[in-house]
Amino acid sequence: MGEERRRDTRVSVPLAITYRFAGDPVTVWHSASAINISAGGVRLRCEQFFELGTRIELCNALDITPGYY
């Protein structure tokens, strides 16, 4: 394997995500799964391919049950 070039630590966080192309309020929201996340970004699993630099908006719904953690 090659040398690790990431500045930020990635954490595996399985989250359901919806996304759409940034700046287009009429765009349909699509479903995806977050694989991991860091301060620098998020890795998604989805059915659509994005060109490098494509801006998207993300939305997630955290399922948090009240209680002590």
N, C-alpha and C. Protein backbone atom coordinates (compact mmCIF):
# COMPACT_ATOMS: atom_id res chain seq x y z
N MET A 1 0.84 -1.19 0.00
CA MET A 1 0.00 0.00 0.00
C MET A 1 0.88 1.24 0.00
N GLY A 2 0.32 2.33 -0.51
CA GLY A 2 1.06 3.58 -0.56
C GLY A 2 1.07 4.30 0.77
N GLU A 3 1.82 5.38 0.80
CA GLU A 3 1.92 6.20 2.00
C GLU A 3 0.59 6.91 2.27
N GLU A 4 0.19 6.97 3.52
CA GLU A 4 -1.04 7.66 3.91
C GLU A 4 -0.84 9.17 3.74
N ARG A 5 -1.72 9.81 2.97
CA ARG A 5 -1.59 11.24 2.71
C ARG A 5 -2.67 12.08 3.39
N ARG A 6 -3.60 11.45 4.05
CA ARG A 6 -4.68 12.21 4.69
C ARG A 6 -4.15 12.96 5.91
N ARG A 7 -4.65 14.19 6.08
CA ARG A 7 -4.28 14.99 7.25
C ARG A 7 -5.16 14.64 8.44
N ASP A 8 -6.41 14.29 8.19
CA ASP A 8 -7.39 14.09 9.26
C ASP A 8 -7.70 12.61 9.44
N THR A 9 -7.90 12.21 10.68
CA THR A 9 -8.26 10.83 11.00
C THR A 9 -9.68 10.55 10.55
N ARG A 10 -9.87 9.42 9.91
CA ARG A 10 -11.22 9.01 9.47
C ARG A 10 -11.81 8.05 10.49
N VAL A 11 -13.12 8.19 10.70
CA VAL A 11 -13.84 7.36 11.65
C VAL A 11 -14.98 6.67 10.91
N SER A 12 -15.08 5.35 11.07
CA SER A 12 -16.19 4.61 10.45
C SER A 12 -17.49 4.97 11.15
N VAL A 13 -18.42 5.51 10.38
CA VAL A 13 -19.70 5.94 10.92
C VAL A 13 -20.78 5.58 9.91
N PRO A 14 -21.49 4.47 10.13
CA PRO A 14 -22.54 4.10 9.18
C PRO A 14 -23.77 5.00 9.37
N LEU A 15 -23.97 5.92 8.43
CA LEU A 15 -25.11 6.84 8.49
C LEU A 15 -25.87 6.81 7.17
N ALA A 16 -27.19 6.92 7.27
CA ALA A 16 -28.00 7.11 6.07
C ALA A 16 -27.93 8.60 5.72
N ILE A 17 -27.62 8.89 4.47
CA ILE A 17 -27.43 10.26 4.00
C ILE A 17 -28.32 10.49 2.78
N THR A 18 -28.80 11.71 2.64
CA THR A 18 -29.40 12.12 1.38
C THR A 18 -28.55 13.26 0.84
N TYR A 19 -28.48 13.37 -0.49
CA TYR A 19 -27.66 14.41 -1.09
C TYR A 19 -28.34 14.95 -2.34
N ARG A 20 -27.91 16.14 -2.73
CA ARG A 20 -28.33 16.75 -3.99
C ARG A 20 -27.20 17.65 -4.46
N PHE A 21 -27.26 18.05 -5.72
CA PHE A 21 -26.24 18.94 -6.24
C PHE A 21 -26.40 20.31 -5.61
N ALA A 22 -25.31 20.89 -5.16
CA ALA A 22 -25.32 22.17 -4.45
C ALA A 22 -25.83 23.29 -5.35
N GLY A 23 -26.60 24.18 -4.74
CA GLY A 23 -27.07 25.36 -5.45
C GLY A 23 -28.25 25.13 -6.37
N ASP A 24 -28.81 23.94 -6.37
CA ASP A 24 -29.95 23.64 -7.25
C ASP A 24 -31.12 23.17 -6.40
N PRO A 25 -31.95 24.11 -5.92
CA PRO A 25 -33.03 23.75 -4.98
C PRO A 25 -34.11 22.85 -5.58
N VAL A 26 -34.17 22.71 -6.90
CA VAL A 26 -35.20 21.85 -7.49
C VAL A 26 -34.68 20.43 -7.75
N THR A 27 -33.41 20.20 -7.48
CA THR A 27 -32.83 18.87 -7.68
C THR A 27 -33.44 17.88 -6.71
N VAL A 28 -33.65 16.69 -7.18
CA VAL A 28 -34.18 15.61 -6.34
C VAL A 28 -33.11 15.14 -5.36
N TRP A 29 -33.51 14.84 -4.14
CA TRP A 29 -32.59 14.28 -3.15
C TRP A 29 -32.39 12.80 -3.46
N HIS A 30 -31.16 12.34 -3.34
CA HIS A 30 -30.80 10.94 -3.60
C HIS A 30 -30.32 10.31 -2.31
N SER A 31 -30.42 8.99 -2.20
CA SER A 31 -29.99 8.26 -1.01
C SER A 31 -28.55 7.78 -1.16
N ALA A 32 -27.84 7.75 -0.04
CA ALA A 32 -26.47 7.25 0.00
C ALA A 32 -26.19 6.76 1.41
N SER A 33 -25.06 6.13 1.59
CA SER A 33 -24.60 5.69 2.90
C SER A 33 -23.23 6.29 3.15
N ALA A 34 -23.05 6.86 4.33
CA ALA A 34 -21.72 7.33 4.71
C ALA A 34 -20.91 6.12 5.16
N ILE A 35 -19.70 6.02 4.67
CA ILE A 35 -18.81 4.92 5.07
C ILE A 35 -17.90 5.38 6.19
N ASN A 36 -17.29 6.55 6.00
CA ASN A 36 -16.48 7.13 7.06
C ASN A 36 -16.50 8.65 6.93
N ILE A 37 -16.05 9.30 7.99
CA ILE A 37 -16.12 10.75 8.04
C ILE A 37 -14.88 11.29 8.75
N SER A 38 -14.47 12.49 8.39
CA SER A 38 -13.35 13.16 9.05
C SER A 38 -13.62 14.66 9.03
N ALA A 39 -12.71 15.42 9.60
CA ALA A 39 -12.85 16.87 9.58
C ALA A 39 -12.74 17.41 8.16
N GLY A 40 -12.12 16.64 7.27
CA GLY A 40 -11.92 17.08 5.90
C GLY A 40 -12.93 16.59 4.89
N GLY A 41 -13.82 15.69 5.30
CA GLY A 41 -14.80 15.21 4.33
C GLY A 41 -15.49 13.93 4.77
N VAL A 42 -16.28 13.41 3.85
CA VAL A 42 -17.03 12.19 4.12
C VAL A 42 -16.94 11.29 2.89
N ARG A 43 -16.79 10.01 3.13
CA ARG A 43 -16.79 9.04 2.02
C ARG A 43 -18.19 8.45 1.92
N LEU A 44 -18.78 8.55 0.74
CA LEU A 44 -20.14 8.07 0.51
C LEU A 44 -20.15 6.83 -0.37
N ARG A 45 -21.15 6.02 -0.18
CA ARG A 45 -21.46 4.93 -1.11
C ARG A 45 -22.80 5.27 -1.72
N CYS A 46 -22.80 5.46 -3.04
CA CYS A 46 -24.03 5.80 -3.73
C CYS A 46 -23.98 5.23 -5.14
N GLU A 47 -25.06 5.37 -5.87
CA GLU A 47 -25.15 4.80 -7.21
C GLU A 47 -24.70 5.78 -8.29
N GLN A 48 -24.36 6.99 -7.92
CA GLN A 48 -24.02 8.02 -8.89
C GLN A 48 -22.53 8.32 -8.82
N PHE A 49 -21.92 8.61 -9.97
CA PHE A 49 -20.52 8.99 -10.03
C PHE A 49 -20.41 10.51 -10.03
N PHE A 50 -19.47 11.05 -9.28
CA PHE A 50 -19.24 12.49 -9.22
C PHE A 50 -17.86 12.81 -9.78
N GLU A 51 -17.79 13.81 -10.63
CA GLU A 51 -16.50 14.31 -11.08
C GLU A 51 -15.79 14.96 -9.90
N LEU A 52 -14.49 14.91 -9.87
CA LEU A 52 -13.71 15.55 -8.83
C LEU A 52 -14.07 17.03 -8.77
N GLY A 53 -14.36 17.51 -7.57
CA GLY A 53 -14.72 18.91 -7.38
C GLY A 53 -16.21 19.20 -7.44
N THR A 54 -17.03 18.18 -7.71
CA THR A 54 -18.48 18.38 -7.74
C THR A 54 -18.97 18.77 -6.35
N ARG A 55 -19.74 19.83 -6.27
CA ARG A 55 -20.27 20.28 -4.97
C ARG A 55 -21.65 19.67 -4.77
N ILE A 56 -21.83 19.06 -3.59
CA ILE A 56 -23.12 18.50 -3.23
C ILE A 56 -23.51 18.97 -1.83
N GLU A 57 -24.79 18.93 -1.56
CA GLU A 57 -25.32 19.21 -0.23
C GLU A 57 -25.72 17.89 0.40
N LEU A 58 -25.38 17.72 1.67
CA LEU A 58 -25.68 16.49 2.40
C LEU A 58 -26.68 16.77 3.51
N CYS A 59 -27.49 15.77 3.78
CA CYS A 59 -28.43 15.84 4.90
C CYS A 59 -28.46 14.46 5.54
N ASN A 60 -28.47 14.43 6.86
CA ASN A 60 -28.61 13.14 7.54
C ASN A 60 -29.57 13.29 8.71
N ALA A 61 -30.12 12.19 9.11
CA ALA A 61 -31.02 12.16 10.26
C ALA A 61 -30.42 11.21 11.28
N LEU A 62 -29.96 11.75 12.38
CA LEU A 62 -29.38 10.91 13.42
C LEU A 62 -30.50 10.30 14.25
N ASP A 63 -30.43 9.01 14.42
CA ASP A 63 -31.42 8.31 15.24
C ASP A 63 -30.85 8.19 16.64
N ILE A 64 -31.13 9.19 17.47
CA ILE A 64 -30.57 9.23 18.83
C ILE A 64 -31.70 9.04 19.82
N THR A 65 -31.56 8.02 20.65
CA THR A 65 -32.52 7.75 21.70
C THR A 65 -32.11 8.50 22.96
N PRO A 66 -33.02 9.25 23.57
CA PRO A 66 -32.65 9.97 24.80
C PRO A 66 -32.15 9.01 25.87
N GLY A 67 -31.18 9.42 26.62
CA GLY A 67 -30.63 8.59 27.69
C GLY A 67 -29.21 8.99 27.99
N TYR A 68 -28.55 8.17 28.76
CA TYR A 68 -27.17 8.44 29.14
C TYR A 68 -26.23 7.70 28.22
N TYR A 69 -25.15 8.36 27.83
CA TYR A 69 -24.17 7.76 26.95
C TYR A 69 -22.80 7.87 27.56
